Amino acid sequence: MGFSMVGSLGSQIWARNSHQRKLKFESSSHRRKHTLDFNFSKLRSHPAKILLSKRDAFEFEERTSPNEVRKEIQQCYELIHRLGRGVVYLGSSRMGPAHSHYLQTQELGREIANLLDCTSWSGVGPGLMDAATKGALQAGKPVGGFKIGKEAGEWTASNFHPYLPPETYLTCRFFSARKHGLVDAIVRSSSSDRTAVVALPGGIGTLDEVFEILALIQLERIGTKLPVPFLLMNYDSFYSKLLDFLDDCEGWGTVSKGEVASLWTVCNNNSEALTYLAEFYSLPLSDKDEHGTELQSIRGTVSS
């Protein structure tokens, strides 16, 4: 597929056709018209460097073949195969350690890792993703993730994490590959697999991932016939207005009555989340764990 480009500068007009690899300049005046043709050799793509600041630069290579995306998806699958499927955390990259939701998420990440005894997956970025990662590490359980080049509105160093070993995560060039990885990490191949999606408070990126996975579950395209629990963490009523909007959608007829509610479980605190997962997988939940988590959730609510 080719393209043509036309532009002008003063009295000069230039045209470009990618098939012919020709650049033509035409200069016209009231007396005469001049045309100059330039032929170019076959075009080749080259990496481009985007200057972000005086110190930092981000390397960007344009997509030249679908094989590049395919290769990155394969790398995501290989990482999941090596570390194991488990719980995927989706959440804000902007809520730092001083935020009450960060403390609640860190507690939740630790308790779920202990309860399900599985790998914890996320975008391994800052904010609530970092909180879930640290919680799982506190439990002594494996973690993995799929980074992307930009988090919290800031470009981050490619293929770098401040404390995770590089063999536990992959820095993705393509969002499509990253999303494949986040979905495949929750696929249950047998009834003994314990996976889940935990949607924490977040912004546009979080909502994008939440509704994409929700749609896959709704359309039964998640990649497994076995059910995958989806938890929406409604800390401090963060998602209450979103839930109200979805109720309004029922009134408008854009979703069936009770349809959304059947796809996920809304949890107001960590205790509700752990209780639900323990019941879903028929696992014992000790009184110590339940009360301890409930106390942490109350503390987080009060501090906010």
C-alpha atoms as a PDB file:
ATOM      1  CA  MET A   1       0.000   0.000   0.000  1.00  0.00           C
ATOM      2  CA  GLY A   2       1.433   3.362  -1.025  1.00  0.00           C
ATOM      3  CA  PHE A   3       0.784   6.939  -0.176  1.00  0.00           C
ATOM      4  CA  SER A   4       1.096  10.383  -1.690  1.00  0.00           C
ATOM      5  CA  MET A   5       2.064  13.625  -0.025  1.00  0.00           C
ATOM      6  CA  VAL A   6       1.493  17.141  -1.274  1.00  0.00           C
ATOM      7  CA  GLY A   7       2.651  20.351   0.338  1.00  0.00           C
ATOM      8  CA  SER A   8       3.535  23.906  -0.391  1.00  0.00           C
ATOM      9  CA  LEU A   9       6.055  26.471   0.698  1.00  0.00           C
ATOM     10  CA  GLY A  10       5.579  29.944  -0.688  1.00  0.00           C
ATOM     11  CA  SER A  11       5.285  29.636  -4.454  1.00  0.00           C
ATOM     12  CA  GLN A  12       6.785  26.128  -4.407  1.00  0.00           C
ATOM     13  CA  ILE A  13       4.675  22.973  -4.493  1.00  0.00           C
ATOM     14  CA  TRP A  14       6.086  19.535  -3.739  1.00  0.00           C
ATOM     15  CA  ALA A  15       4.579  16.110  -4.240  1.00  0.00           C
ATOM     16  CA  ARG A  16       5.713  12.692  -3.078  1.00  0.00           C
ATOM     17  CA  ASN A  17       4.568   9.196  -4.095  1.00  0.00           C
ATOM     18  CA  SER A  18       5.861   6.254  -2.074  1.00  0.00           C
ATOM     19  CA  HIS A  19       5.521   3.801  -4.957  1.00  0.00           C
ATOM     20  CA  GLN A  20       7.585   5.862  -7.340  1.00  0.00           C
ATOM     21  CA  ARG A  21       9.949   7.085  -4.602  1.00  0.00           C
ATOM     22  CA  LYS A  22       9.998  10.446  -6.368  1.00  0.00           C
ATOM     23  CA  LEU A  23       9.936  13.968  -4.957  1.00  0.00           C
ATOM     24  CA  LYS A  24       8.781  16.654  -7.389  1.00  0.00           C
ATOM     25  CA  PHE A  25       9.135  20.416  -6.892  1.00  0.00           C
ATOM     26  CA  GLU A  26       7.144  22.831  -9.029  1.00  0.00           C
ATOM     27  CA  SER A  27       7.813  26.542  -8.865  1.00  0.00           C
ATOM     28  CA  SER A  28       5.420  28.815 -10.647  1.00  0.00           C
ATOM     29  CA  SER A  29       5.228  32.528 -11.331  1.00  0.00           C
ATOM     30  CA  HIS A  30       3.240  34.753 -13.678  1.00  0.00           C
ATOM     31  CA  ARG A  31       5.811  34.144 -16.405  1.00  0.00           C
ATOM     32  CA  ARG A  32       6.872  30.520 -16.297  1.00  0.00           C
ATOM     33  CA  LYS A  33       6.655  27.197 -14.497  1.00  0.00           C
ATOM     34  CA  HIS A  34       9.653  25.107 -13.399  1.00  0.00           C
ATOM     35  CA  THR A  35       9.590  21.438 -12.441  1.00  0.00           C
ATOM     36  CA  LEU A  36      12.399  19.499 -10.747  1.00  0.00           C
ATOM     37  CA  ASP A  37      12.190  15.717 -10.198  1.00  0.00           C
ATOM     38  CA  PHE A  38      14.269  13.806  -7.651  1.00  0.00           C
ATOM     39  CA  ASN A  39      14.438  10.007  -7.549  1.00  0.00           C
ATOM     40  CA  PHE A  40      15.217   8.246  -4.272  1.00  0.00           C
ATOM     41  CA  SER A  41      16.508   4.787  -3.575  1.00  0.00           C
ATOM     42  CA  LYS A  42      14.266   2.302  -1.756  1.00  0.00           C
ATOM     43  CA  LEU A  43      13.199   3.658   1.591  1.00  0.00           C
ATOM     44  CA  ARG A  44      14.354   1.972   4.772  1.00  0.00           C
ATOM     45  CA  SER A  45      13.017   2.537   8.253  1.00  0.00           C
ATOM     46  CA  HIS A  46      15.412   3.727  10.920  1.00  0.00           C
ATOM     47  CA  PRO A  47      15.006   4.132  14.664  1.00  0.00           C
ATOM     48  CA  ALA A  48      14.071   7.648  15.678  1.00  0.00           C
ATOM     49  CA  LYS A  49      15.079   9.296  18.916  1.00  0.00           C
ATOM     50  CA  ILE A  50      12.543  11.491  20.703  1.00  0.00           C
ATOM     51  CA  LEU A  51      14.238  14.046  22.936  1.00  0.00           C
ATOM     52  CA  LEU A  52      12.370  14.276  26.201  1.00  0.00           C
ATOM     53  CA  SER A  53      14.687  16.435  28.268  1.00  0.00           C
ATOM     54  CA  LYS A  54      18.278  17.466  28.401  1.00  0.00           C
ATOM     55  CA  ARG A  55      19.138  14.221  30.191  1.00  0.00           C
ATOM     56  CA  ASP A  56      16.657  11.645  28.966  1.00  0.00           C
ATOM     57  CA  ALA A  57      15.793  10.290  25.555  1.00  0.00           C
ATOM     58  CA  PHE A  58      13.427   7.510  24.553  1.00  0.00           C
ATOM     59  CA  GLU A  59      14.222   5.230  21.642  1.00  0.00           C
ATOM     60  CA  PHE A  60      11.249   4.599  19.352  1.00  0.00           C
ATOM     61  CA  GLU A  61      11.239   2.239  16.404  1.00  0.00           C
ATOM     62  CA  GLU A  62       8.348   2.269  14.019  1.00  0.00           C
ATOM     63  CA  ARG A  63       6.470  -0.974  13.400  1.00  0.00           C
ATOM     64  CA  THR A  64       7.777  -2.390  10.144  1.00  0.00           C
ATOM     65  CA  SER A  65       6.250  -5.869  10.237  1.00  0.00           C
ATOM     66  CA  PRO A  66       3.452  -7.782  12.003  1.00  0.00           C
ATOM     67  CA  ASN A  67       6.128 -10.303  12.899  1.00  0.00           C
ATOM     68  CA  GLU A  68       7.484  -7.829  15.465  1.00  0.00           C
ATOM     69  CA  VAL A  69       4.165  -7.814  17.333  1.00  0.00           C
ATOM     70  CA  ARG A  70       3.878 -11.585  17.000  1.00  0.00           C
ATOM     71  CA  LYS A  71       7.354 -12.050  18.426  1.00  0.00           C
ATOM     72  CA  GLU A  72       6.615  -9.850  21.429  1.00  0.00           C
ATOM     73  CA  ILE A  73       3.371 -11.727  22.149  1.00  0.00           C
ATOM     74  CA  GLN A  74       5.350 -14.967  22.054  1.00  0.00           C
ATOM     75  CA  GLN A  75       7.803 -13.511  24.571  1.00  0.00           C
ATOM     76  CA  CYS A  76       4.889 -12.676  26.874  1.00  0.00           C
ATOM     77  CA  TYR A  77       3.620 -16.261  26.660  1.00  0.00           C
ATOM     78  CA  GLU A  78       7.085 -17.644  27.361  1.00  0.00           C
ATOM     79  CA  LEU A  79       7.418 -15.478  30.480  1.00  0.00           C
ATOM     80  CA  ILE A  80       4.018 -16.652  31.769  1.00  0.00           C
ATOM     81  CA  HIS A  81       4.920 -20.275  31.066  1.00  0.00           C
ATOM     82  CA  ARG A  82       8.123 -19.852  33.082  1.00  0.00           C
ATOM     83  CA  LEU A  83       6.639 -18.004  36.092  1.00  0.00           C
ATOM     84  CA  GLY A  84       3.143 -19.485  36.150  1.00  0.00           C
ATOM     85  CA  ARG A  85      -0.326 -17.978  35.871  1.00  0.00           C
ATOM     86  CA  GLY A  86      -1.985 -16.255  38.783  1.00  0.00           C
ATOM     87  CA  VAL A  87      -3.565 -12.970  39.864  1.00  0.00           C
ATOM     88  CA  VAL A  88      -3.446  -9.909  37.604  1.00  0.00           C
ATOM     89  CA  TYR A  89      -3.611  -6.510  39.289  1.00  0.00           C
ATOM     90  CA  LEU A  90      -4.870  -3.485  37.359  1.00  0.00           C
ATOM     91  CA  GLY A  91      -4.546  -0.081  38.980  1.00  0.00           C
ATOM     92  CA  SER A  92      -3.323   3.471  39.061  1.00  0.00           C
ATOM     93  CA  SER A  93       0.337   4.305  38.558  1.00  0.00           C
ATOM     94  CA  ARG A  94      -0.161   7.661  40.267  1.00  0.00           C
ATOM     95  CA  MET A  95      -1.183   6.640  43.808  1.00  0.00           C
ATOM     96  CA  GLY A  96       2.112   6.542  45.677  1.00  0.00           C
ATOM     97  CA  PRO A  97       3.177   5.122  49.050  1.00  0.00           C
ATOM     98  CA  ALA A  98       1.597   8.024  50.961  1.00  0.00           C
ATOM     99  CA  HIS A  99      -1.882   7.194  49.636  1.00  0.00           C
ATOM    100  CA  SER A 100      -4.204   5.018  51.729  1.00  0.00           C
ATOM    101  CA  HIS A 101      -5.068   2.904  48.681  1.00  0.00           C
ATOM    102  CA  TYR A 102      -1.385   2.045  48.287  1.00  0.00           C
ATOM    103  CA  LEU A 103      -1.260   0.653  51.815  1.00  0.00           C
ATOM    104  CA  GLN A 104      -4.467  -1.309  51.297  1.00  0.00           C
ATOM    105  CA  THR A 105      -3.203  -2.716  47.997  1.00  0.00           C
ATOM    106  CA  GLN A 106       0.099  -3.810  49.493  1.00  0.00           C
ATOM    107  CA  GLU A 107      -1.795  -5.647  52.223  1.00  0.00           C
ATOM    108  CA  LEU A 108      -4.145  -7.198  49.664  1.00  0.00           C
ATOM    109  CA  GLY A 109      -1.269  -8.316  47.440  1.00  0.00           C
ATOM    110  CA  ARG A 110       0.400 -10.069  50.364  1.00  0.00           C
ATOM    111  CA  GLU A 111      -2.753 -11.800  51.615  1.00  0.00           C
ATOM    112  CA  ILE A 112      -3.942 -12.970  48.181  1.00  0.00           C
ATOM    113  CA  ALA A 113      -0.482 -14.342  47.376  1.00  0.00           C
ATOM    114  CA  ASN A 114      -0.562 -16.328  50.615  1.00  0.00           C
ATOM    115  CA  LEU A 115      -4.137 -17.493  50.077  1.00  0.00           C
ATOM    116  CA  LEU A 116      -3.908 -18.580  46.435  1.00  0.00           C
ATOM    117  CA  ASP A 117      -0.191 -19.461  46.466  1.00  0.00           C
ATOM    118  CA  CYS A 118       0.299 -18.204  42.919  1.00  0.00           C
ATOM    119  CA  THR A 119       2.230 -15.673  40.852  1.00  0.00           C
ATOM    120  CA  SER A 120       1.184 -12.036  41.064  1.00  0.00           C
ATOM    121  CA  TRP A 121       1.129 -10.152  37.737  1.00  0.00           C
ATOM    122  CA  SER A 122       0.835  -6.455  36.951  1.00  0.00           C
ATOM    123  CA  GLY A 123       2.223  -3.741  34.726  1.00  0.00           C
ATOM    124  CA  VAL A 124       5.163  -3.573  37.203  1.00  0.00           C
ATOM    125  CA  GLY A 125       4.938   0.209  37.111  1.00  0.00           C
ATOM    126  CA  PRO A 126       4.733   2.657  40.017  1.00  0.00           C
ATOM    127  CA  GLY A 127       1.705   3.376  42.217  1.00  0.00           C
ATOM    128  CA  LEU A 128      -0.735   0.592  43.044  1.00  0.00           C
ATOM    129  CA  MET A 129       1.056  -1.829  40.709  1.00  0.00           C
ATOM    130  CA  ASP A 130       4.155  -1.372  42.841  1.00  0.00           C
ATOM    131  CA  ALA A 131       2.106  -1.874  46.014  1.00  0.00           C
ATOM    132  CA  ALA A 132       0.727  -5.211  44.783  1.00  0.00           C
ATOM    133  CA  THR A 133       4.217  -6.318  43.722  1.00  0.00           C
ATOM    134  CA  LYS A 134       5.737  -5.490  47.098  1.00  0.00           C
ATOM    135  CA  GLY A 135       2.908  -7.242  48.903  1.00  0.00           C
ATOM    136  CA  ALA A 136       3.473 -10.451  46.944  1.00  0.00           C
ATOM    137  CA  LEU A 137       7.215 -10.262  47.586  1.00  0.00           C
ATOM    138  CA  GLN A 138       6.543  -9.871  51.310  1.00  0.00           C
ATOM    139  CA  ALA A 139       4.629 -13.147  51.098  1.00  0.00           C
ATOM    140  CA  GLY A 140       7.637 -14.772  49.439  1.00  0.00           C
ATOM    141  CA  LYS A 141       5.674 -15.547  46.267  1.00  0.00           C
ATOM    142  CA  PRO A 142       6.752 -15.064  42.633  1.00  0.00           C
ATOM    143  CA  VAL A 143       5.891 -11.899  40.728  1.00  0.00           C
ATOM    144  CA  GLY A 144       5.960 -11.025  37.059  1.00  0.00           C
ATOM    145  CA  GLY A 145       4.827  -8.244  34.809  1.00  0.00           C
ATOM    146  CA  PHE A 146       4.606  -6.477  31.506  1.00  0.00           C
ATOM    147  CA  LYS A 147       5.978  -2.957  31.471  1.00  0.00           C
ATOM    148  CA  ILE A 148       5.208  -0.283  28.947  1.00  0.00           C
ATOM    149  CA  GLY A 149       7.320   2.704  27.950  1.00  0.00           C
ATOM    150  CA  LYS A 150       5.150   5.325  29.618  1.00  0.00           C
ATOM    151  CA  GLU A 151       3.565   5.332  33.074  1.00  0.00           C
ATOM    152  CA  ALA A 152       1.939   8.133  35.070  1.00  0.00           C
ATOM    153  CA  GLY A 153       2.491  10.527  32.168  1.00  0.00           C
ATOM    154  CA  GLU A 154       6.263  10.054  32.300  1.00  0.00           C
ATOM    155  CA  TRP A 155       8.561   8.130  30.005  1.00  0.00           C
ATOM    156  CA  THR A 156      10.439   5.453  31.899  1.00  0.00           C
ATOM    157  CA  ALA A 157      13.769   3.853  31.134  1.00  0.00           C
ATOM    158  CA  SER A 158      13.317   0.918  28.783  1.00  0.00           C
ATOM    159  CA  ASN A 159      13.585  -2.556  30.316  1.00  0.00           C
ATOM    160  CA  PHE A 160      14.389  -1.261  33.789  1.00  0.00           C
ATOM    161  CA  HIS A 161      12.807  -1.840  37.191  1.00  0.00           C
ATOM    162  CA  PRO A 162      14.297  -0.501  40.434  1.00  0.00           C
ATOM    163  CA  TYR A 163      14.289  -3.826  42.297  1.00  0.00           C
ATOM    164  CA  LEU A 164      12.850  -6.694  40.230  1.00  0.00           C
ATOM    165  CA  PRO A 165      15.244  -9.064  38.411  1.00  0.00           C
ATOM    166  CA  PRO A 166      15.063  -8.475  34.634  1.00  0.00           C
ATOM    167  CA  GLU A 167      14.085 -12.092  34.008  1.00  0.00           C
ATOM    168  CA  THR A 168      10.754 -11.560  35.830  1.00  0.00           C
ATOM    169  CA  TYR A 169       9.272  -8.918  33.547  1.00  0.00           C
ATOM    170  CA  LEU A 170       9.131  -7.821  29.942  1.00  0.00           C
ATOM    171  CA  THR A 171       9.161  -4.256  28.641  1.00  0.00           C
ATOM    172  CA  CYS A 172       6.658  -4.183  25.778  1.00  0.00           C
ATOM    173  CA  ARG A 173       6.854  -1.934  22.735  1.00  0.00           C
ATOM    174  CA  PHE A 174       3.299  -2.750  21.735  1.00  0.00           C
ATOM    175  CA  PHE A 175       0.197  -2.344  23.860  1.00  0.00           C
ATOM    176  CA  SER A 176      -1.442  -5.242  22.024  1.00  0.00           C
ATOM    177  CA  ALA A 177       1.305  -7.613  23.187  1.00  0.00           C
ATOM    178  CA  ARG A 178       1.074  -6.338  26.743  1.00  0.00           C
ATOM    179  CA  LYS A 179      -2.678  -6.920  26.791  1.00  0.00           C
ATOM    180  CA  HIS A 180      -2.239 -10.435  25.444  1.00  0.00           C
ATOM    181  CA  GLY A 181       0.123 -11.106  28.328  1.00  0.00           C
ATOM    182  CA  LEU A 182      -2.175  -9.697  31.016  1.00  0.00           C
ATOM    183  CA  VAL A 183      -5.070 -11.808  29.733  1.00  0.00           C
ATOM    184  CA  ASP A 184      -3.108 -15.032  29.268  1.00  0.00           C
ATOM    185  CA  ALA A 185      -1.769 -14.748  32.829  1.00  0.00           C
ATOM    186  CA  ILE A 186      -5.278 -15.445  34.214  1.00  0.00           C
ATOM    187  CA  VAL A 187      -6.271 -18.320  31.908  1.00  0.00           C
ATOM    188  CA  ARG A 188      -7.110 -21.451  33.919  1.00  0.00           C
ATOM    189  CA  SER A 189      -6.063 -24.626  32.126  1.00  0.00           C
ATOM    190  CA  SER A 190      -7.280 -26.886  34.948  1.00  0.00           C
ATOM    191  CA  SER A 191      -9.543 -26.708  37.982  1.00  0.00           C
ATOM    192  CA  SER A 192      -6.483 -26.640  40.236  1.00  0.00           C
ATOM    193  CA  ASP A 193      -5.290 -23.328  38.754  1.00  0.00           C
ATOM    194  CA  ARG A 194      -6.019 -20.335  40.978  1.00  0.00           C
ATOM    195  CA  THR A 195      -6.184 -17.086  39.079  1.00  0.00           C
ATOM    196  CA  ALA A 196      -8.093 -13.834  39.390  1.00  0.00           C
ATOM    197  CA  VAL A 197      -8.365 -10.267  38.135  1.00  0.00           C
ATOM    198  CA  VAL A 198      -8.157  -7.551  40.773  1.00  0.00           C
ATOM    199  CA  ALA A 199      -9.198  -4.115  39.523  1.00  0.00           C
ATOM    200  CA  LEU A 200      -7.896  -1.420  41.858  1.00  0.00           C
ATOM    201  CA  PRO A 201      -8.701   2.305  41.687  1.00  0.00           C
ATOM    202  CA  GLY A 202      -7.247   3.832  38.535  1.00  0.00           C
ATOM    203  CA  GLY A 203      -7.635   6.118  35.556  1.00  0.00           C
ATOM    204  CA  ILE A 204      -7.943   5.769  31.798  1.00  0.00           C
ATOM    205  CA  GLY A 205      -5.416   2.964  31.387  1.00  0.00           C
ATOM    206  CA  THR A 206      -6.934   0.957  34.230  1.00  0.00           C
ATOM    207  CA  LEU A 207     -10.461   1.384  32.895  1.00  0.00           C
ATOM    208  CA  ASP A 208      -9.307   0.366  29.420  1.00  0.00           C
ATOM    209  CA  GLU A 209      -7.901  -2.900  30.771  1.00  0.00           C
ATOM    210  CA  VAL A 210     -10.856  -3.483  33.101  1.00  0.00           C
ATOM    211  CA  PHE A 211     -13.500  -3.236  30.396  1.00  0.00           C
ATOM    212  CA  GLU A 212     -11.477  -5.149  27.831  1.00  0.00           C
ATOM    213  CA  ILE A 213     -11.117  -8.137  30.151  1.00  0.00           C
ATOM    214  CA  LEU A 214     -14.730  -7.752  31.262  1.00  0.00           C
ATOM    215  CA  ALA A 215     -15.859  -7.906  27.625  1.00  0.00           C
ATOM    216  CA  LEU A 216     -13.766 -11.044  27.026  1.00  0.00           C
ATOM    217  CA  ILE A 217     -15.409 -12.714  30.017  1.00  0.00           C
ATOM    218  CA  GLN A 218     -18.851 -11.577  28.850  1.00  0.00           C
ATOM    219  CA  LEU A 219     -18.305 -12.964  25.331  1.00  0.00           C
ATOM    220  CA  GLU A 220     -16.620 -16.114  26.649  1.00  0.00           C
ATOM    221  CA  ARG A 221     -13.394 -15.265  24.818  1.00  0.00           C
ATOM    222  CA  ILE A 222     -11.100 -15.229  27.826  1.00  0.00           C
ATOM    223  CA  GLY A 223      -9.370 -18.421  26.642  1.00  0.00           C
ATOM    224  CA  THR A 224     -10.781 -20.899  29.147  1.00  0.00           C
ATOM    225  CA  LYS A 225     -14.106 -22.526  29.934  1.00  0.00           C
ATOM    226  CA  LEU A 226     -13.290 -22.382  33.641  1.00  0.00           C
ATOM    227  CA  PRO A 227     -14.558 -19.270  35.451  1.00  0.00           C
ATOM    228  CA  VAL A 228     -12.070 -16.576  36.438  1.00  0.00           C
ATOM    229  CA  PRO A 229     -13.022 -14.401  39.426  1.00  0.00           C
ATOM    230  CA  PHE A 230     -13.008 -10.662  38.726  1.00  0.00           C
ATOM    231  CA  LEU A 231     -12.834  -8.349  41.757  1.00  0.00           C
ATOM    232  CA  LEU A 232     -13.558  -4.628  41.571  1.00  0.00           C
ATOM    233  CA  MET A 233     -11.970  -2.979  44.609  1.00  0.00           C
ATOM    234  CA  ASN A 234     -14.268  -0.120  45.533  1.00  0.00           C
ATOM    235  CA  TYR A 235     -11.974   1.467  48.117  1.00  0.00           C
ATOM    236  CA  ASP A 236     -13.601   4.520  49.693  1.00  0.00           C
ATOM    237  CA  SER A 237     -16.446   4.244  47.154  1.00  0.00           C
ATOM    238  CA  PHE A 238     -13.986   5.026  44.341  1.00  0.00           C
ATOM    239  CA  TYR A 239     -16.058   3.180  41.725  1.00  0.00           C
ATOM    240  CA  SER A 240     -19.515   3.987  43.069  1.00  0.00           C
ATOM    241  CA  LYS A 241     -20.294   6.568  40.393  1.00  0.00           C
ATOM    242  CA  LEU A 242     -19.130   4.168  37.698  1.00  0.00           C
ATOM    243  CA  LEU A 243     -21.467   1.536  39.114  1.00  0.00           C
ATOM    244  CA  ASP A 244     -24.289   4.090  39.095  1.00  0.00           C
ATOM    245  CA  PHE A 245     -23.558   4.796  35.431  1.00  0.00           C
ATOM    246  CA  LEU A 246     -23.706   1.097  34.593  1.00  0.00           C
ATOM    247  CA  ASP A 247     -27.062   0.910  36.395  1.00  0.00           C
ATOM    248  CA  ASP A 248     -28.231   3.767  34.171  1.00  0.00           C
ATOM    249  CA  CYS A 249     -27.083   1.760  31.150  1.00  0.00           C
ATOM    250  CA  GLU A 250     -29.558  -0.918  32.163  1.00  0.00           C
ATOM    251  CA  GLY A 251     -32.302   1.691  32.070  1.00  0.00           C
ATOM    252  CA  TRP A 252     -31.207   2.780  28.600  1.00  0.00           C
ATOM    253  CA  GLY A 253     -31.162  -0.807  27.444  1.00  0.00           C
ATOM    254  CA  THR A 254     -27.480  -0.881  26.452  1.00  0.00           C
ATOM    255  CA  VAL A 255     -26.792  -3.739  28.898  1.00  0.00           C
ATOM    256  CA  SER A 256     -29.153  -6.389  30.172  1.00  0.00           C
ATOM    257  CA  LYS A 257     -30.437  -6.198  33.713  1.00  0.00           C
ATOM    258  CA  GLY A 258     -27.946  -7.801  36.088  1.00  0.00           C
ATOM    259  CA  GLU A 259     -25.517  -8.511  33.259  1.00  0.00           C
ATOM    260  CA  VAL A 260     -22.579  -6.482  34.578  1.00  0.00           C
ATOM    261  CA  ALA A 261     -23.134  -7.598  38.160  1.00  0.00           C
ATOM    262  CA  SER A 262     -22.827 -11.216  37.026  1.00  0.00           C
ATOM    263  CA  LEU A 263     -19.377 -10.605  35.523  1.00  0.00           C
ATOM    264  CA  TRP A 264     -17.562  -9.262  38.580  1.00  0.00           C
ATOM    265  CA  THR A 265     -17.741  -8.965  42.349  1.00  0.00           C
ATOM    266  CA  VAL A 266     -17.589  -5.537  43.958  1.00  0.00           C
ATOM    267  CA  CYS A 267     -15.519  -5.493  47.161  1.00  0.00           C
ATOM    268  CA  ASN A 268     -15.419  -2.507  49.492  1.00  0.00           C
ATOM    269  CA  ASN A 269     -12.396  -3.714  51.470  1.00  0.00           C
ATOM    270  CA  ASN A 270      -9.716  -6.389  51.575  1.00  0.00           C
ATOM    271  CA  SER A 271     -11.659  -8.612  53.931  1.00  0.00           C
ATOM    272  CA  GLU A 272     -14.519  -8.949  51.429  1.00  0.00           C
ATOM    273  CA  ALA A 273     -12.050  -9.732  48.639  1.00  0.00           C
ATOM    274  CA  LEU A 274     -10.265 -12.467  50.591  1.00  0.00           C
ATOM    275  CA  THR A 275     -13.523 -13.998  51.779  1.00  0.00           C
ATOM    276  CA  TYR A 276     -14.845 -14.140  48.227  1.00  0.00           C
ATOM    277  CA  LEU A 277     -11.674 -15.749  46.825  1.00  0.00           C
ATOM    278  CA  ALA A 278     -11.537 -18.272  49.667  1.00  0.00           C
ATOM    279  CA  GLU A 279     -15.141 -19.292  48.964  1.00  0.00           C
ATOM    280  CA  PHE A 280     -14.594 -19.337  45.189  1.00  0.00           C
ATOM    281  CA  TYR A 281     -11.668 -21.764  45.459  1.00  0.00           C
ATOM    282  CA  SER A 282     -12.935 -23.591  48.582  1.00  0.00           C
ATOM    283  CA  LEU A 283      -9.898 -22.544  50.612  1.00  0.00           C
ATOM    284  CA  PRO A 284      -9.715 -22.087  54.381  1.00  0.00           C
ATOM    285  CA  LEU A 285      -9.418 -18.494  55.559  1.00  0.00           C
ATOM    286  CA  SER A 286      -8.182 -18.280  59.125  1.00  0.00           C
ATOM    287  CA  ASP A 287      -9.811 -15.880  61.563  1.00  0.00           C
ATOM    288  CA  LYS A 288      -6.415 -14.258  62.034  1.00  0.00           C
ATOM    289  CA  ASP A 289      -6.084 -13.424  58.347  1.00  0.00           C
ATOM    290  CA  GLU A 290      -9.665 -12.235  58.037  1.00  0.00           C
ATOM    291  CA  HIS A 291      -9.636  -9.960  61.092  1.00  0.00           C
ATOM    292  CA  GLY A 292      -6.120  -8.707  60.413  1.00  0.00           C
ATOM    293  CA  THR A 293      -6.994  -7.681  56.872  1.00  0.00           C
ATOM    294  CA  GLU A 294     -10.238  -6.080  57.999  1.00  0.00           C
ATOM    295  CA  LEU A 295      -8.296  -4.008  60.541  1.00  0.00           C
ATOM    296  CA  GLN A 296      -5.853  -2.857  57.838  1.00  0.00           C
ATOM    297  CA  SER A 297      -8.770  -1.866  55.609  1.00  0.00           C
ATOM    298  CA  ILE A 298     -10.350   0.158  58.412  1.00  0.00           C
ATOM    299  CA  ARG A 299      -7.030   1.890  59.102  1.00  0.00           C
ATOM    300  CA  GLY A 300      -6.663   2.752  55.442  1.00  0.00           C
ATOM    301  CA  THR A 301     -10.158   4.243  55.325  1.00  0.00           C
ATOM    302  CA  VAL A 302      -9.610   6.321  58.444  1.00  0.00           C
ATOM    303  CA  SER A 303      -6.215   7.643  57.272  1.00  0.00           C
ATOM    304  CA  SER A 304      -7.714   8.821  53.990  1.00  0.00           C
END
